[in-house]
Structures are given as C-alpha cells and as structure tokens.
Amino acid sequence: SVETAYIEPGSPSQNGCCECFNARLRDEVLNGEISYSLRDAQIQIER
C-alpha cells in the first residue's frame, strides 16, 4: 500500500529533489518576471 507523507513547505532535508527543482525554476524563470495571476506564471513557465 502507498501512504501519503506530509512534508513541510520549503524543507529541502525532507524532499531535496523537488526543492532543488523549484529553486532553479524560481531563479531561472519566475524571478525575472512579474506575475499578476497563476495563469500568467503558467504562461511564463511554458515559454
């Protein structure tokens, strides 16, 4: 059986792979742009 585990947001010691990916995405894509909505951010990521 598969169990869901709660992981604290921003906890690289608990989920290093995802936290590393999220940090790189934020640094390389999202920090250089202003997003007024979630849809704006999605469009920026897809570019």
Protein backbone atom coordinates (compact mmCIF):
# COMPACT_ATOMS: atom_id res chain seq x y z
CA SER A 1 0.00 0.00 0.00
CA VAL A 2 1.13 3.56 -0.70
CA GLU A 3 0.93 6.17 2.04
CA THR A 4 0.96 9.94 1.65
CA ALA A 5 3.50 11.70 3.85
CA TYR A 6 3.22 15.31 4.95
CA ILE A 7 6.28 17.35 4.01
CA GLU A 8 6.80 20.85 5.39
CA PRO A 9 6.89 23.52 2.65
CA GLY A 10 10.44 24.63 1.92
CA SER A 11 12.05 21.65 3.66
CA PRO A 12 14.92 20.52 1.44
CA SER A 13 16.01 17.95 4.01
CA GLN A 14 12.68 16.14 3.58
CA ASN A 15 12.32 16.44 -0.20
CA GLY A 16 15.58 17.61 -1.72
CA CYS A 17 14.86 16.76 -5.36
CA CYS A 18 11.64 18.80 -5.58
CA GLU A 19 13.04 21.68 -3.55
CA CYS A 20 16.09 21.87 -5.83
CA PHE A 21 13.89 21.88 -8.95
CA ASN A 22 11.58 24.54 -7.50
CA ALA A 23 14.54 26.76 -6.56
CA ARG A 24 16.03 26.53 -10.06
CA LEU A 25 12.65 27.22 -11.70
CA ARG A 26 12.15 30.24 -9.46
CA ASP A 27 15.68 31.57 -10.10
CA GLU A 28 15.76 30.97 -13.86
CA VAL A 29 12.17 31.78 -14.85
CA LEU A 30 9.95 33.38 -12.27
CA ASN A 31 12.23 35.89 -10.51
CA GLY A 32 12.74 37.88 -13.71
CA GLU A 33 9.04 38.39 -14.40
CA ILE A 34 6.04 39.90 -12.65
CA SER A 35 3.05 37.57 -12.48
CA TYR A 36 -0.34 39.04 -11.72
CA SER A 37 -2.08 35.67 -11.63
CA LEU A 38 -1.39 31.96 -11.56
CA ARG A 39 -2.21 31.83 -15.29
CA ASP A 40 0.46 34.48 -16.00
CA ALA A 41 3.04 32.35 -14.17
CA GLN A 42 1.96 29.23 -16.09
CA ILE A 43 2.41 31.04 -19.41
CA GLN A 44 5.90 32.22 -18.37
CA ILE A 45 6.91 28.68 -17.42
CA GLU A 46 5.67 27.24 -20.74
CA ARG A 47 7.82 29.67 -22.78
